[in-house]
């Protein structure tokens, strides 16, 4: 059974599989900026508390996508 995936979604998955660390850093930075703007987080420790978990989560997700693509012989 083959799944039909839109080209746009496949492109995003391929990009995240190619650049997992960059994806984690960008997502963590964006989430930290959102928290600074919305909640008014001011201290550096509060920024790190919001940056590190989001970055790690997004990086691990992208690494699992990379592993899945390698396992199924899909192009990067």
N, C-alpha and C. Protein backbone atom coordinates (compact mmCIF):
# COMPACT_ATOMS: atom_id res chain seq x y z
N UNK A 1 0.84 -1.18 0.00
CA UNK A 1 0.00 0.00 0.00
C UNK A 1 0.89 1.24 0.00
N UNK A 2 0.69 2.10 -0.95
CA UNK A 2 1.49 3.32 -1.02
C UNK A 2 0.65 4.51 -0.59
N UNK A 3 1.30 5.42 0.09
CA UNK A 3 0.63 6.64 0.52
C UNK A 3 0.93 7.75 -0.47
N UNK A 4 -0.07 8.53 -0.75
CA UNK A 4 0.12 9.68 -1.61
C UNK A 4 0.40 10.89 -0.72
N UNK A 5 1.58 11.47 -0.91
CA UNK A 5 2.00 12.60 -0.10
C UNK A 5 2.15 13.80 -1.03
N UNK A 6 1.66 14.93 -0.59
CA UNK A 6 1.77 16.12 -1.42
C UNK A 6 3.24 16.52 -1.57
N UNK A 7 3.61 17.08 -2.71
CA UNK A 7 5.01 17.48 -2.92
C UNK A 7 5.50 18.50 -1.90
N UNK A 8 4.61 19.39 -1.45
CA UNK A 8 5.02 20.40 -0.48
C UNK A 8 5.39 19.75 0.85
N UNK A 9 4.59 18.78 1.29
CA UNK A 9 4.86 18.11 2.55
C UNK A 9 6.15 17.28 2.46
N UNK A 10 6.35 16.62 1.32
CA UNK A 10 7.56 15.84 1.15
C UNK A 10 8.79 16.73 1.16
N UNK A 11 8.69 17.90 0.58
CA UNK A 11 9.82 18.84 0.57
C UNK A 11 10.16 19.28 1.99
N UNK A 12 9.16 19.54 2.80
CA UNK A 12 9.41 19.93 4.19
C UNK A 12 10.04 18.79 4.97
N UNK A 13 9.57 17.58 4.76
CA UNK A 13 10.15 16.43 5.45
C UNK A 13 11.58 16.19 5.02
N UNK A 14 11.86 16.36 3.73
CA UNK A 14 13.22 16.17 3.25
C UNK A 14 14.15 17.24 3.81
N UNK A 15 13.69 18.49 3.88
CA UNK A 15 14.52 19.55 4.43
C UNK A 15 14.82 19.30 5.90
N UNK A 16 13.81 18.88 6.65
CA UNK A 16 14.05 18.62 8.08
C UNK A 16 14.96 17.43 8.28
N UNK A 17 14.91 16.45 7.39
CA UNK A 17 15.81 15.30 7.50
C UNK A 17 17.24 15.69 7.14
N UNK A 18 17.41 16.64 6.24
CA UNK A 18 18.75 17.08 5.86
C UNK A 18 19.40 17.97 6.92
N UNK A 19 18.62 18.79 7.59
CA UNK A 19 19.15 19.79 8.52
C UNK A 19 18.48 19.70 9.89
N UNK A 20 18.67 18.61 10.63
CA UNK A 20 17.96 18.47 11.90
C UNK A 20 18.41 19.46 12.97
N UNK A 21 19.70 19.75 13.05
CA UNK A 21 20.17 20.68 14.08
C UNK A 21 19.72 22.10 13.79
N UNK A 22 19.76 22.49 12.53
CA UNK A 22 19.30 23.82 12.16
C UNK A 22 17.82 23.99 12.46
N UNK A 23 17.05 22.96 12.17
CA UNK A 23 15.62 23.01 12.46
C UNK A 23 15.37 23.18 13.96
N UNK A 24 16.12 22.46 14.79
CA UNK A 24 15.97 22.59 16.23
C UNK A 24 16.32 23.97 16.74
N UNK A 25 17.40 24.54 16.22
CA UNK A 25 17.80 25.88 16.65
C UNK A 25 16.80 26.94 16.21
N UNK A 26 16.32 26.83 14.99
CA UNK A 26 15.35 27.82 14.50
C UNK A 26 14.04 27.73 15.28
N UNK A 27 13.56 26.50 15.51
CA UNK A 27 12.31 26.34 16.24
C UNK A 27 12.44 26.83 17.68
N UNK A 28 13.56 26.53 18.32
CA UNK A 28 13.78 27.00 19.68
C UNK A 28 13.86 28.51 19.77
N UNK A 29 14.52 29.11 18.79
CA UNK A 29 14.64 30.57 18.76
C UNK A 29 13.28 31.22 18.57
N UNK A 30 12.50 30.70 17.62
CA UNK A 30 11.17 31.26 17.37
C UNK A 30 10.26 31.12 18.59
N UNK A 31 10.30 29.97 19.23
CA UNK A 31 9.46 29.76 20.41
C UNK A 31 9.88 30.70 21.54
N UNK A 32 11.18 30.91 21.71
CA UNK A 32 11.66 31.83 22.74
C UNK A 32 11.21 33.25 22.44
N UNK A 33 11.30 33.67 21.19
CA UNK A 33 10.85 35.01 20.82
C UNK A 33 9.36 35.19 21.05
N UNK A 34 8.58 34.17 20.75
CA UNK A 34 7.14 34.24 21.00
C UNK A 34 6.87 34.40 22.49
N UNK A 35 7.57 33.63 23.31
CA UNK A 35 7.37 33.74 24.76
C UNK A 35 7.82 35.10 25.29
N UNK A 36 8.87 35.65 24.73
CA UNK A 36 9.34 36.97 25.16
C UNK A 36 8.30 38.03 24.81
N UNK A 37 7.74 37.96 23.62
CA UNK A 37 6.77 38.96 23.17
C UNK A 37 5.44 38.80 23.90
N UNK A 38 4.95 37.57 24.02
CA UNK A 38 3.62 37.34 24.60
C UNK A 38 3.64 37.45 26.11
N UNK A 39 4.56 36.75 26.75
CA UNK A 39 4.57 36.70 28.21
C UNK A 39 5.46 37.76 28.84
N UNK A 40 6.32 38.36 28.07
CA UNK A 40 7.22 39.35 28.63
C UNK A 40 8.31 38.73 29.48
N UNK A 41 8.78 37.55 29.08
CA UNK A 41 9.86 36.88 29.80
C UNK A 41 11.10 37.76 29.69
N UNK A 42 11.69 38.10 30.82
CA UNK A 42 12.77 39.05 30.78
C UNK A 42 14.14 38.52 31.13
N UNK A 43 14.23 37.52 31.97
CA UNK A 43 15.54 37.07 32.42
C UNK A 43 16.11 36.05 31.45
N UNK A 44 17.43 35.95 31.48
CA UNK A 44 18.12 35.02 30.59
C UNK A 44 17.80 33.58 30.96
N UNK A 45 17.67 33.29 32.23
CA UNK A 45 17.37 31.92 32.64
C UNK A 45 15.99 31.48 32.16
N UNK A 46 15.02 32.40 32.18
CA UNK A 46 13.69 32.06 31.66
C UNK A 46 13.73 31.81 30.16
N UNK A 47 14.57 32.56 29.45
CA UNK A 47 14.70 32.34 28.01
C UNK A 47 15.32 30.98 27.72
N UNK A 48 16.34 30.62 28.49
CA UNK A 48 16.97 29.31 28.30
C UNK A 48 16.03 28.18 28.67
N UNK A 49 15.22 28.39 29.69
CA UNK A 49 14.25 27.36 30.08
C UNK A 49 13.25 27.11 28.96
N UNK A 50 12.91 28.13 28.21
CA UNK A 50 11.99 27.92 27.09
C UNK A 50 12.72 27.47 25.83
N UNK A 51 13.98 27.85 25.65
CA UNK A 51 14.72 27.54 24.42
C UNK A 51 15.18 26.09 24.36
N UNK A 52 15.76 25.62 25.45
CA UNK A 52 16.40 24.30 25.42
C UNK A 52 15.41 23.16 25.17
N UNK A 53 14.30 23.05 25.88
CA UNK A 53 13.39 21.91 25.62
C UNK A 53 12.80 21.92 24.22
N UNK A 54 12.43 23.08 23.73
CA UNK A 54 11.84 23.15 22.38
C UNK A 54 12.89 22.78 21.35
N UNK A 55 14.10 23.25 21.49
CA UNK A 55 15.16 22.92 20.55
C UNK A 55 15.46 21.43 20.55
N UNK A 56 15.54 20.85 21.73
CA UNK A 56 15.82 19.42 21.83
C UNK A 56 14.68 18.61 21.22
N UNK A 57 13.45 18.97 21.51
CA UNK A 57 12.31 18.25 20.97
C UNK A 57 12.27 18.30 19.45
N UNK A 58 12.46 19.48 18.88
CA UNK A 58 12.43 19.62 17.41
C UNK A 58 13.61 18.91 16.76
N UNK A 59 14.77 18.95 17.39
CA UNK A 59 15.94 18.27 16.85
C UNK A 59 15.73 16.76 16.86
N UNK A 60 15.20 16.22 17.94
CA UNK A 60 14.94 14.78 18.01
C UNK A 60 13.88 14.35 17.00
N UNK A 61 12.88 15.19 16.79
CA UNK A 61 11.86 14.88 15.79
C UNK A 61 12.48 14.84 14.39
N UNK A 62 13.33 15.80 14.08
CA UNK A 62 13.98 15.82 12.77
C UNK A 62 14.95 14.66 12.61
N UNK A 63 15.63 14.28 13.66
CA UNK A 63 16.52 13.12 13.59
C UNK A 63 15.73 11.84 13.37
N UNK A 64 14.56 11.73 13.98
CA UNK A 64 13.74 10.54 13.74
C UNK A 64 13.21 10.51 12.31
N UNK A 65 12.92 11.68 11.73
CA UNK A 65 12.52 11.74 10.32
C UNK A 65 13.67 11.31 9.42
N UNK A 66 14.88 11.70 9.77
CA UNK A 66 16.06 11.30 9.01
C UNK A 66 16.23 9.78 9.07
N UNK A 67 16.06 9.24 10.27
CA UNK A 67 16.18 7.79 10.45
C UNK A 67 15.10 7.03 9.69
N UNK A 68 13.88 7.57 9.69
CA UNK A 68 12.78 6.94 8.97
C UNK A 68 13.06 6.93 7.47
N UNK A 69 13.57 8.04 6.95
CA UNK A 69 13.87 8.12 5.52
C UNK A 69 14.98 7.14 5.15
N UNK A 70 15.97 7.01 6.01
CA UNK A 70 17.06 6.08 5.74
C UNK A 70 16.55 4.64 5.78
N UNK A 71 15.68 4.34 6.73
CA UNK A 71 15.15 2.99 6.90
C UNK A 71 14.32 2.57 5.68
N UNK A 72 13.53 3.48 5.12
CA UNK A 72 12.66 3.17 3.99
C UNK A 72 13.28 3.51 2.64
N UNK A 73 14.58 3.84 2.63
CA UNK A 73 15.30 4.18 1.39
C UNK A 73 14.64 5.32 0.62
N UNK A 74 14.18 6.32 1.34
CA UNK A 74 13.61 7.51 0.71
C UNK A 74 14.72 8.53 0.49
N UNK A 75 14.58 9.38 -0.52
CA UNK A 75 15.65 10.36 -0.77
C UNK A 75 15.68 11.46 0.30
N UNK A 76 16.89 11.96 0.53
CA UNK A 76 17.06 13.06 1.45
C UNK A 76 16.87 14.30 0.67
